[in-house]
């Protein structure tokens, strides 16, 4: 779900989409008969949107209509397999937000109070004194910024509705400590949230409304037209509204529509909102919590935060147009799939990873299906159950790679899962180099066995690569003659077999179309 954003998508948005898509596709790969619900969309209410629309002399909804189309276009171009694109400006979402508000109010968890603090318009949140510092410029300007995001803040006091979140602090801490100690990934983010919940001072109650005189673009507070429901309840409720909340079936709790999520994928800048505020609202309503929360790192350019004013924003559409979406997905997963630290985006690194996947996979397929090798093996199907040692070693490595891949994927170690596939493909390429199946003095048995082993390795790797590079993996499996109904995880077992009829001459990876930066 894209947080309130007032410009076209950048590479960080694509990273979130691709990461979520990898997990959705893996879920289908692991259990093709189980439905997968995959929601993305746009958060469209709030002060940032209101001000941006005013600056363009547009009404907020028209502004959001235009903005949301950019994100829809990216979802389509990036081959994202989402099942729902949600917008918080939709009437159904508005009804869900007001229903949830009434539920909280009926339980005595909302009250009016005087709220004051350092407020950031761009971050749309208040910061305590400890998270604010004063900045002085050479020109003599003094202002305050958030130490967490660097955004400007200003002191603000007003009457708002407050949510009694401190009531649920101990319960949530216990949940993260013992009930689900692996709820947040990477582990350091889990530790950060636990530290926040374990402090000696209880969390302050959460301000969940704004005066409508200041913020008119949002969902009105039920029975109080002077206030607008703020982002903490509005935007975070979208996960519920996208699964059909409020659910009409007694006792359903959204299970029939995919609630609770197996995983939510977010950027680290909104971790607190998803790891504290949303779970506390769910606890308040006796609703099940998300099973896992993946909080990924950010992409930088030359180690600096991307900024339109600086002119260093990486455009995902340009990258896709030049390299193809699967190459970009490969790069995002290989480099950004550790999720721990910020990673740097560069055209040179994208080129490097394009060469990597082309060499590892594309060239390997071209080499093993060359006319010379196919002519040699024609009419010589394997009948012996034993491979020559070199080919047998590749089959063994391929077999061992599958459970390790599954273990890494279930643990959200995306880059590690790819490392295992890369290692097997490297071994297959090395086998080709060492045995030279195209050479006239190579024994027929070696040629036949290497041919069968490399094709079997490609078949298994093609199945495992489907969540990462779906289009190229499908092309590879098509070229290997793998039936569509034999591409789930249960078929990713390397075996001694005679290869199916392959379709030679297929170029998996084209050269980049043009140079962009």
Protein backbone atom coordinates (compact mmCIF):
# COMPACT_ATOMS: atom_id res chain seq x y z
CA UNK A 1 0.00 0.00 0.00
CA UNK A 2 1.55 3.32 -1.05
CA UNK A 3 1.55 5.83 1.79
CA UNK A 4 0.15 9.27 0.97
CA UNK A 5 2.43 10.45 -1.84
CA UNK A 6 2.02 13.52 -4.00
CA UNK A 7 4.12 12.62 -7.04
CA UNK A 8 4.70 9.81 -9.51
CA UNK A 9 6.07 6.55 -8.06
CA UNK A 10 9.81 6.15 -7.49
CA UNK A 11 11.98 3.05 -7.28
CA UNK A 12 11.14 2.54 -3.59
CA UNK A 13 7.49 2.03 -4.47
CA UNK A 14 8.48 -0.56 -7.06
CA UNK A 15 10.65 -2.30 -4.45
CA UNK A 16 7.66 -2.64 -2.12
CA UNK A 17 5.44 -3.91 -4.93
CA UNK A 18 7.98 -6.44 -6.20
CA UNK A 19 8.76 -7.72 -2.70
CA UNK A 20 5.08 -8.27 -1.94
CA UNK A 21 4.60 -9.87 -5.35
CA UNK A 22 7.47 -12.28 -4.70
CA UNK A 23 5.74 -13.52 -1.55
CA UNK A 24 2.35 -13.74 -3.25
CA UNK A 25 3.77 -15.74 -6.13
CA UNK A 26 5.69 -17.99 -3.75
CA UNK A 27 2.47 -18.69 -1.85
CA UNK A 28 0.86 -19.80 -5.12
CA UNK A 29 3.95 -21.81 -6.00
CA UNK A 30 3.85 -23.63 -2.67
CA UNK A 31 0.11 -24.26 -2.72
CA UNK A 32 -1.41 -23.65 -6.16
CA UNK A 33 -4.90 -24.66 -5.03
CA UNK A 34 -5.11 -22.15 -2.18
CA UNK A 35 -6.43 -18.68 -3.09
CA UNK A 36 -4.02 -15.80 -2.55
CA UNK A 37 -5.33 -12.33 -1.67
CA UNK A 38 -2.82 -9.64 -2.55
CA UNK A 39 -3.81 -6.03 -1.95
CA UNK A 40 -2.00 -2.86 -2.92
CA UNK A 41 -3.25 0.65 -3.62
CA UNK A 42 -2.99 4.30 -2.66
CA UNK A 43 -3.50 6.19 0.60
CA UNK A 44 -5.22 9.36 -0.60
CA UNK A 45 -6.37 11.41 2.38
CA UNK A 46 -4.48 13.88 4.51
CA UNK A 47 -2.85 17.28 4.61
CA UNK A 48 -0.15 16.52 2.04
CA UNK A 49 -2.71 15.58 -0.58
CA UNK A 50 -4.95 18.52 0.33
CA UNK A 51 -2.11 21.04 -0.03
CA UNK A 52 -0.75 19.47 -3.22
CA UNK A 53 -4.20 19.61 -4.83
CA UNK A 54 -4.61 23.25 -3.80
CA UNK A 55 -1.21 24.08 -5.28
CA UNK A 56 -2.38 22.70 -8.63
CA UNK A 57 -5.80 24.35 -8.33
CA UNK A 58 -7.52 20.95 -8.38
CA UNK A 59 -10.11 19.38 -6.16
CA UNK A 60 -8.50 16.62 -4.05
CA UNK A 61 -10.41 13.73 -5.60
CA UNK A 62 -9.45 14.71 -9.15
CA UNK A 63 -5.85 15.05 -7.99
CA UNK A 64 -6.01 11.57 -6.43
CA UNK A 65 -7.64 10.11 -9.54
CA UNK A 66 -4.68 11.29 -11.58
CA UNK A 67 -2.10 10.19 -9.02
CA UNK A 68 -3.61 6.78 -8.50
CA UNK A 69 -3.44 6.06 -12.24
CA UNK A 70 0.35 6.41 -12.10
CA UNK A 71 0.47 3.71 -9.43
CA UNK A 72 -1.97 1.49 -11.32
CA UNK A 73 0.21 1.83 -14.41
CA UNK A 74 3.28 0.78 -12.42
CA UNK A 75 1.46 -2.24 -11.01
CA UNK A 76 0.60 -3.35 -14.54
CA UNK A 77 4.00 -2.62 -16.06
CA UNK A 78 5.83 -4.39 -13.22
CA UNK A 79 3.75 -7.56 -13.72
CA UNK A 80 2.43 -7.39 -10.16
CA UNK A 81 -0.07 -10.18 -9.47
CA UNK A 82 -2.23 -8.22 -7.02
CA UNK A 83 -5.88 -9.20 -6.68
CA UNK A 84 -7.12 -5.82 -5.47
CA UNK A 85 -6.08 -2.18 -5.92
CA UNK A 86 -7.60 -0.17 -3.07
CA UNK A 87 -8.03 3.58 -2.73
CA UNK A 88 -8.83 5.21 0.58
CA UNK A 89 -11.11 7.66 -1.24
CA UNK A 90 -13.51 4.84 -2.16
CA UNK A 91 -16.99 4.96 -0.56
CA UNK A 92 -16.67 1.41 0.76
CA UNK A 93 -13.50 2.34 2.61
CA UNK A 94 -15.14 5.44 4.08
CA UNK A 95 -17.95 3.29 5.48
CA UNK A 96 -15.43 0.86 6.97
CA UNK A 97 -13.50 3.68 8.66
CA UNK A 98 -16.62 5.16 10.24
CA UNK A 99 -17.79 1.70 11.34
CA UNK A 100 -14.44 1.07 13.03
CA UNK A 101 -14.57 4.50 14.68
CA UNK A 102 -18.00 3.77 16.14
CA UNK A 103 -16.75 0.42 17.46
CA UNK A 104 -13.82 2.07 19.24
CA UNK A 105 -16.07 4.80 20.59
CA UNK A 106 -18.64 2.29 21.88
CA UNK A 107 -15.87 0.60 23.86
CA UNK A 108 -14.87 3.87 25.53
CA UNK A 109 -11.52 4.02 23.75
CA UNK A 110 -11.94 7.48 22.19
CA UNK A 111 -12.09 10.81 23.99
CA UNK A 112 -11.54 14.48 23.24
CA UNK A 113 -8.33 15.96 24.54
CA UNK A 114 -5.95 18.84 24.07
CA UNK A 115 -3.04 17.72 21.93
CA UNK A 116 0.24 19.56 21.47
CA UNK A 117 3.55 18.64 19.92
CA UNK A 118 5.95 19.00 17.04
CA UNK A 119 4.02 18.32 13.85
CA UNK A 120 5.43 17.44 10.43
CA UNK A 121 3.15 18.08 7.45
CA UNK A 122 5.22 15.85 5.14
CA UNK A 123 5.30 12.94 7.62
CA UNK A 124 1.75 13.66 8.81
CA UNK A 125 2.58 12.94 12.43
CA UNK A 126 3.59 14.48 15.74
CA UNK A 127 7.05 13.93 17.21
CA UNK A 128 8.03 14.10 20.90
CA UNK A 129 10.74 16.50 22.05
CA UNK A 130 13.35 13.72 22.08
CA UNK A 131 12.86 13.15 18.35
CA UNK A 132 13.23 16.80 17.34
CA UNK A 133 16.32 18.97 16.95
CA UNK A 134 16.94 22.61 16.13
CA UNK A 135 18.70 23.52 12.89
CA UNK A 136 20.42 26.80 12.07
CA UNK A 137 21.35 27.74 8.51
CA UNK A 138 24.27 29.96 7.43
CA UNK A 139 21.68 32.50 6.34
CA UNK A 140 20.41 32.85 9.89
CA UNK A 141 17.23 30.76 9.55
CA UNK A 142 16.30 28.64 12.58
CA UNK A 143 13.82 25.78 12.44
CA UNK A 144 13.21 22.33 13.91
CA UNK A 145 13.35 18.94 12.18
CA UNK A 146 12.56 15.34 13.01
CA UNK A 147 15.71 13.42 13.90
CA UNK A 148 14.10 10.33 12.36
CA UNK A 149 13.19 11.64 8.91
CA UNK A 150 14.80 15.08 8.65
CA UNK A 151 11.42 16.66 7.86
CA UNK A 152 10.58 20.12 9.15
CA UNK A 153 8.28 20.29 12.15
CA UNK A 154 6.31 23.09 13.78
CA UNK A 155 4.77 23.39 17.22
CA UNK A 156 1.03 22.87 17.18
CA UNK A 157 -1.75 22.78 19.78
CA UNK A 158 -5.35 21.82 19.12
CA UNK A 159 -8.30 19.80 20.37
CA UNK A 160 -8.44 16.30 18.89
CA UNK A 161 -9.99 12.94 19.54
CA UNK A 162 -7.54 10.61 21.28
CA UNK A 163 -7.27 6.81 21.17
CA UNK A 164 -6.39 5.10 24.46
CA UNK A 165 -3.58 3.03 22.95
CA UNK A 166 -1.65 2.79 26.22
CA UNK A 167 -4.31 0.33 27.44
CA UNK A 168 -2.94 -2.26 25.00
CA UNK A 169 0.79 -1.63 25.41
CA UNK A 170 1.48 -4.59 27.72
CA UNK A 171 -0.61 -6.96 25.61
CA UNK A 172 1.20 -5.98 22.42
CA UNK A 173 4.61 -6.21 24.08
CA UNK A 174 3.76 -9.72 25.29
CA UNK A 175 2.63 -10.63 21.77
CA UNK A 176 5.98 -9.62 20.28
CA UNK A 177 7.97 -11.18 23.13
CA UNK A 178 6.37 -14.60 23.38
CA UNK A 179 3.28 -15.15 21.22
CA UNK A 180 4.92 -14.18 17.92
CA UNK A 181 8.62 -13.40 18.52
CA UNK A 182 9.31 -13.41 14.76
CA UNK A 183 6.45 -11.10 13.82
CA UNK A 184 8.64 -8.30 12.44
CA UNK A 185 11.45 -8.79 9.94
CA UNK A 186 14.34 -7.95 9.85
CA UNK A 187 15.05 -8.87 13.51
CA UNK A 188 16.55 -5.48 14.40
CA UNK A 189 13.22 -3.83 13.60
CA UNK A 190 11.47 -6.32 15.88
CA UNK A 191 13.93 -5.36 18.61
CA UNK A 192 13.35 -1.64 18.02
CA UNK A 193 9.59 -2.00 18.42
CA UNK A 194 9.99 -4.11 21.56
CA UNK A 195 12.26 -1.46 23.02
CA UNK A 196 9.65 1.21 22.31
CA UNK A 197 6.94 -0.87 23.99
CA UNK A 198 9.17 -1.74 26.97
CA UNK A 199 10.08 1.79 28.01
CA UNK A 200 9.53 2.96 31.59
CA UNK A 201 6.98 5.56 30.48
CA UNK A 202 3.69 4.39 28.92
CA UNK A 203 3.04 5.42 25.33
CA UNK A 204 1.05 8.60 24.93
CA UNK A 205 -2.52 8.21 23.72
CA UNK A 206 -2.78 8.67 19.99
CA UNK A 207 -4.30 11.72 18.34
CA UNK A 208 -6.74 10.32 15.76
CA UNK A 209 -8.58 13.38 14.41
CA UNK A 210 -7.90 16.87 13.11
CA UNK A 211 -10.15 19.95 13.07
CA UNK A 212 -12.09 19.96 9.83
CA UNK A 213 -11.28 23.66 9.49
CA UNK A 214 -7.65 22.60 8.93
CA UNK A 215 -8.06 19.19 7.32
CA UNK A 216 -11.17 18.87 5.17
CA UNK A 217 -9.91 16.13 2.84
CA UNK A 218 -10.69 12.97 4.76
CA UNK A 219 -13.42 10.91 6.40
CA UNK A 220 -15.62 12.96 8.78
CA UNK A 221 -15.89 11.84 12.40
CA UNK A 222 -19.34 10.26 12.86
CA UNK A 223 -21.74 12.65 14.61
CA UNK A 224 -19.09 15.39 14.83
CA UNK A 225 -18.77 17.33 11.56
CA UNK A 226 -16.12 19.61 13.11
CA UNK A 227 -13.48 16.85 13.01
CA UNK A 228 -11.84 14.68 10.35
CA UNK A 229 -10.61 11.16 11.11
CA UNK A 230 -6.85 11.19 10.89
CA UNK A 231 -4.52 8.90 8.97
CA UNK A 232 -3.85 6.48 11.84
CA UNK A 233 -7.38 5.18 11.65
CA UNK A 234 -8.20 6.14 8.06
CA UNK A 235 -5.19 4.78 6.18
CA UNK A 236 -4.53 1.79 8.41
CA UNK A 237 -8.13 0.62 8.13
CA UNK A 238 -7.60 0.03 4.40
CA UNK A 239 -6.16 -3.41 5.13
CA UNK A 240 -9.45 -4.31 6.79
CA UNK A 241 -11.71 -2.62 4.24
CA UNK A 242 -9.87 -4.40 1.42
CA UNK A 243 -10.78 -7.72 3.00
CA UNK A 244 -14.47 -6.78 3.20
CA UNK A 245 -14.65 -5.15 6.65
CA UNK A 246 -17.09 -4.78 8.29
CA UNK A 247 -17.71 -8.47 7.80
CA UNK A 248 -21.35 -9.50 7.72
CA UNK A 249 -20.88 -13.21 8.35
CA UNK A 250 -20.94 -13.92 12.08
CA UNK A 251 -17.56 -15.05 13.35
CA UNK A 252 -15.88 -14.69 9.96
CA UNK A 253 -13.32 -12.04 11.06
CA UNK A 254 -12.27 -11.72 7.44
CA UNK A 255 -10.89 -15.24 7.07
CA UNK A 256 -12.90 -15.82 3.88
CA UNK A 257 -11.34 -12.69 2.34
CA UNK A 258 -7.72 -13.15 3.46
CA UNK A 259 -7.63 -11.67 6.96
CA UNK A 260 -5.32 -11.73 8.83
CA UNK A 261 -2.48 -11.21 6.33
CA UNK A 262 0.33 -13.73 6.18
CA UNK A 263 2.65 -10.82 5.52
CA UNK A 264 2.45 -7.04 5.15
CA UNK A 265 5.25 -5.36 3.22
CA UNK A 266 6.10 -1.78 4.16
CA UNK A 267 8.98 0.70 4.07
CA UNK A 268 10.87 1.17 7.32
CA UNK A 269 9.69 4.78 7.61
CA UNK A 270 6.16 3.61 8.47
CA UNK A 271 7.13 0.73 10.75
CA UNK A 272 5.80 2.30 13.95
CA UNK A 273 2.38 2.88 12.39
CA UNK A 274 2.06 -0.74 11.28
CA UNK A 275 3.81 -2.41 14.20
CA UNK A 276 2.21 -0.39 17.03
CA UNK A 277 -0.78 1.72 15.99
CA UNK A 278 -2.53 -0.80 13.73
CA UNK A 279 -2.05 -3.80 16.07
CA UNK A 280 -3.37 -1.78 19.01
CA UNK A 281 -6.51 -0.90 17.07
CA UNK A 282 -6.94 -4.56 16.16
CA UNK A 283 -6.48 -5.60 19.80
CA UNK A 284 -9.06 -2.99 20.78
CA UNK A 285 -11.57 -4.62 18.45
CA UNK A 286 -10.63 -8.23 19.30
CA UNK A 287 -9.43 -8.81 15.74
CA UNK A 288 -6.51 -11.10 14.81
CA UNK A 289 -3.14 -9.46 14.13
CA UNK A 290 -1.08 -9.84 10.98
CA UNK A 291 1.17 -12.88 11.07
CA UNK A 292 4.32 -11.19 9.73
CA UNK A 293 5.42 -7.65 8.99
CA UNK A 294 8.33 -7.05 6.61
CA UNK A 295 9.85 -3.60 6.98
CA UNK A 296 12.30 -3.12 4.13
CA UNK A 297 15.17 -0.69 3.79
CA UNK A 298 15.24 2.35 1.53
CA UNK A 299 16.91 2.96 -1.80
CA UNK A 300 19.34 5.85 -2.09
CA UNK A 301 21.21 7.42 -4.99
CA UNK A 302 24.91 8.05 -4.39
CA UNK A 303 24.17 7.29 -0.72
CA UNK A 304 21.74 10.21 -0.54
CA UNK A 305 17.99 10.11 0.00
CA UNK A 306 16.06 10.48 -3.24
CA UNK A 307 14.59 13.95 -3.63
CA UNK A 308 12.78 15.62 -6.50
CA UNK A 309 14.34 18.97 -5.58
CA UNK A 310 17.83 17.45 -5.79
CA UNK A 311 16.93 15.69 -9.03
CA UNK A 312 18.13 12.23 -8.01
CA UNK A 313 14.83 10.31 -8.06
CA UNK A 314 15.18 6.96 -9.84
CA UNK A 315 12.31 6.45 -12.27
CA UNK A 316 11.13 2.81 -12.28
CA UNK A 317 9.35 3.19 -15.63
CA UNK A 318 12.56 4.28 -17.37
CA UNK A 319 14.48 1.37 -15.86
CA UNK A 320 11.81 -1.12 -16.95
CA UNK A 321 11.68 0.32 -20.47
CA UNK A 322 15.44 -0.08 -20.85
CA UNK A 323 16.14 -3.41 -19.18
CA UNK A 324 12.74 -5.21 -18.98
CA UNK A 325 10.79 -5.71 -15.79
CA UNK A 326 12.32 -9.09 -14.98
CA UNK A 327 15.86 -7.72 -15.02
CA UNK A 328 14.79 -4.87 -12.74
CA UNK A 329 13.00 -7.34 -10.45
CA UNK A 330 16.17 -9.45 -10.35
CA UNK A 331 18.23 -6.42 -9.31
CA UNK A 332 15.73 -5.32 -6.67
CA UNK A 333 15.59 -8.79 -5.13
CA UNK A 334 19.32 -9.52 -5.32
CA UNK A 335 20.44 -6.18 -3.88
CA UNK A 336 17.41 -5.08 -1.87
CA UNK A 337 16.31 -8.51 -0.70
CA UNK A 338 18.33 -8.48 2.52
CA UNK A 339 16.07 -5.67 3.83
CA UNK A 340 18.45 -4.71 6.66
CA UNK A 341 20.36 -1.68 5.38
CA UNK A 342 19.68 1.05 2.86
CA UNK A 343 20.94 0.14 -0.60
CA UNK A 344 22.18 2.34 -3.40
CA UNK A 345 20.48 2.48 -6.79
CA UNK A 346 22.72 3.01 -9.79
CA UNK A 347 22.53 2.44 -13.50
CA UNK A 348 25.91 0.71 -13.39
CA UNK A 349 24.71 -1.80 -10.81
CA UNK A 350 21.57 -2.44 -12.84
CA UNK A 351 23.75 -3.14 -15.88
CA UNK A 352 25.93 -5.47 -13.79
CA UNK A 353 22.94 -7.50 -12.62
CA UNK A 354 21.51 -7.58 -16.14
CA UNK A 355 24.77 -9.16 -17.28
CA UNK A 356 24.66 -11.57 -14.34
CA UNK A 357 21.23 -13.04 -15.05
CA UNK A 358 21.86 -13.05 -18.82
CA UNK A 359 25.08 -15.01 -18.34
CA UNK A 360 23.85 -17.35 -15.62
CA UNK A 361 20.52 -18.26 -17.18
CA UNK A 362 20.17 -16.94 -20.71
CA UNK A 363 23.58 -17.97 -22.01
CA UNK A 364 23.41 -21.32 -20.20
CA UNK A 365 20.16 -22.18 -21.96
CA UNK A 366 21.59 -21.08 -25.33
CA UNK A 367 24.78 -23.12 -24.83
CA UNK A 368 23.10 -26.36 -23.77
CA UNK A 369 20.52 -26.19 -26.58
CA UNK A 370 23.04 -25.38 -29.31
CA UNK A 371 22.66 -27.19 -32.63
CA UNK A 372 25.93 -29.07 -32.15
CA UNK A 373 24.95 -30.56 -28.78
CA UNK A 374 21.40 -31.37 -29.90
CA UNK A 375 22.73 -33.15 -32.97
CA UNK A 376 25.04 -35.21 -30.78
CA UNK A 377 22.33 -36.35 -28.34
CA UNK A 378 19.64 -36.92 -30.98
CA UNK A 379 18.44 -40.50 -30.81
CA UNK A 380 20.43 -41.22 -27.67
CA UNK A 381 17.95 -41.06 -24.81
CA UNK A 382 19.34 -41.92 -21.40
CA UNK A 383 18.67 -45.50 -20.30
CA UNK A 384 21.19 -45.85 -17.48
CA UNK A 385 20.00 -44.73 -14.03
CA UNK A 386 23.49 -43.44 -13.19
CA UNK A 387 24.99 -40.18 -14.39
CA UNK A 388 28.67 -39.62 -15.02
CA UNK A 389 30.10 -38.15 -11.78
CA UNK A 390 30.19 -34.54 -12.98
CA UNK A 391 26.54 -34.58 -14.03
CA UNK A 392 25.50 -36.50 -10.92
CA UNK A 393 27.06 -33.78 -8.77
CA UNK A 394 24.92 -31.10 -10.44
CA UNK A 395 21.75 -33.15 -9.92
CA UNK A 396 22.66 -33.56 -6.24
CA UNK A 397 23.34 -29.83 -5.81
CA UNK A 398 20.06 -28.96 -7.50
CA UNK A 399 18.17 -31.32 -5.21
CA UNK A 400 19.79 -29.87 -2.09
CA UNK A 401 19.06 -26.30 -3.22
CA UNK A 402 15.28 -26.77 -3.15
CA UNK A 403 14.70 -27.24 0.63
CA UNK A 404 17.16 -24.44 1.37
CA UNK A 405 15.26 -22.18 -1.02
CA UNK A 406 11.98 -23.01 0.72
CA UNK A 407 13.50 -22.40 4.15
CA UNK A 408 14.80 -18.99 3.09
CA UNK A 409 11.54 -17.95 1.46
CA UNK A 410 9.48 -18.92 4.50
CA UNK A 411 11.90 -16.91 6.65
CA UNK A 412 11.62 -13.88 4.29
CA UNK A 413 15.30 -14.13 3.33
CA UNK A 414 14.66 -13.23 -0.29
CA UNK A 415 18.25 -12.46 -1.30
CA UNK A 416 19.47 -15.66 0.38
CA UNK A 417 16.90 -17.69 -1.56
CA UNK A 418 18.28 -16.23 -4.79
CA UNK A 419 21.86 -16.90 -3.68
CA UNK A 420 21.08 -20.61 -3.60
CA UNK A 421 19.71 -20.56 -7.14
CA UNK A 422 22.71 -18.55 -8.34
CA UNK A 423 25.10 -21.11 -6.83
CA UNK A 424 23.41 -23.97 -8.69
CA UNK A 425 23.39 -22.07 -11.99
CA UNK A 426 27.07 -21.24 -11.52
CA UNK A 427 27.79 -24.94 -11.02
CA UNK A 428 25.86 -25.77 -14.19
CA UNK A 429 27.86 -23.21 -16.17
CA UNK A 430 31.10 -24.57 -14.72
CA UNK A 431 30.05 -28.11 -15.69
CA UNK A 432 29.60 -26.94 -19.27
CA UNK A 433 33.04 -25.34 -19.29
CA UNK A 434 34.80 -28.33 -17.76
CA UNK A 435 33.15 -31.13 -19.77
CA UNK A 436 32.89 -29.30 -23.12
CA UNK A 437 29.89 -31.27 -24.42
CA UNK A 438 30.24 -29.55 -27.80
CA UNK A 439 33.81 -30.83 -28.32
CA UNK A 440 34.31 -33.77 -30.75
CA UNK A 441 36.53 -35.70 -28.32
CA UNK A 442 33.99 -35.67 -25.45
CA UNK A 443 32.46 -39.09 -24.86
CA UNK A 444 28.89 -39.62 -25.96
CA UNK A 445 27.82 -40.67 -22.47
CA UNK A 446 29.25 -37.48 -21.00
CA UNK A 447 27.46 -35.34 -23.59
CA UNK A 448 24.14 -37.10 -23.05
CA UNK A 449 24.45 -36.95 -19.25
CA UNK A 450 25.56 -33.31 -19.12
CA UNK A 451 22.78 -32.37 -21.52
CA UNK A 452 20.17 -34.09 -19.35
CA UNK A 453 21.61 -32.77 -16.06
CA UNK A 454 21.83 -29.14 -17.20
CA UNK A 455 18.32 -29.20 -18.64
CA UNK A 456 17.04 -30.72 -15.39
CA UNK A 457 18.84 -28.01 -13.42
CA UNK A 458 17.26 -25.36 -15.66
CA UNK A 459 13.83 -26.94 -15.21
CA UNK A 460 14.07 -26.87 -11.41
CA UNK A 461 15.58 -23.38 -11.33
CA UNK A 462 12.89 -22.19 -13.72
CA UNK A 463 10.23 -23.34 -11.27
CA UNK A 464 12.00 -21.68 -8.32
CA UNK A 465 12.54 -18.42 -10.21
CA UNK A 466 8.85 -17.89 -10.99
CA UNK A 467 8.23 -15.56 -8.01
CA UNK A 468 11.22 -13.40 -8.99
CA UNK A 469 11.29 -13.19 -12.78
CA UNK A 470 7.86 -14.54 -13.74
CA UNK A 471 7.90 -13.70 -17.45
CA UNK A 472 11.39 -15.05 -18.13
CA UNK A 473 10.81 -18.10 -15.94
CA UNK A 474 7.64 -18.88 -17.91
CA UNK A 475 9.53 -18.46 -21.21
CA UNK A 476 12.27 -20.78 -19.96
CA UNK A 477 9.81 -23.45 -18.82
CA UNK A 478 7.90 -23.15 -22.10
CA UNK A 479 11.16 -23.63 -24.00
CA UNK A 480 11.96 -26.70 -21.92
CA UNK A 481 8.57 -28.23 -22.68
CA UNK A 482 7.42 -28.19 -19.05
CA UNK A 483 3.60 -28.50 -18.86
CA UNK A 484 1.85 -25.58 -17.18
CA UNK A 485 0.34 -27.88 -14.55
CA UNK A 486 3.80 -29.15 -13.56
CA UNK A 487 5.31 -25.85 -12.45
CA UNK A 488 4.42 -25.79 -8.76
CA UNK A 489 6.87 -26.45 -5.95
CA UNK A 490 5.97 -30.12 -5.71
CA UNK A 491 7.56 -30.64 -9.15
CA UNK A 492 10.83 -28.91 -8.19
CA UNK A 493 12.61 -32.18 -7.48
CA UNK A 494 15.72 -32.89 -9.52
CA UNK A 495 15.56 -36.39 -10.96
CA UNK A 496 17.40 -38.64 -13.35
CA UNK A 497 15.23 -38.37 -16.45
CA UNK A 498 15.32 -38.01 -20.18
CA UNK A 499 14.68 -34.35 -21.01
CA UNK A 500 11.54 -33.30 -22.82
CA UNK A 501 11.69 -31.88 -26.31
CA UNK A 502 13.19 -28.42 -25.99
CA UNK A 503 12.53 -25.39 -28.15
CA UNK A 504 15.97 -24.10 -29.19
CA UNK A 505 16.88 -20.65 -30.40
CA UNK A 506 14.94 -18.82 -27.69
CA UNK A 507 16.65 -15.67 -26.45
CA UNK A 508 15.68 -15.22 -22.81
CA UNK A 509 17.23 -11.79 -22.29
CA UNK A 510 17.43 -9.09 -24.94
CA UNK A 511 20.05 -6.37 -24.86
CA UNK A 512 19.02 -3.13 -23.09
CA UNK A 513 17.13 -0.83 -25.42
CA UNK A 514 18.71 2.51 -24.53
CA UNK A 515 20.82 4.21 -21.93
CA UNK A 516 19.13 5.96 -19.03
CA UNK A 517 20.46 7.10 -15.69
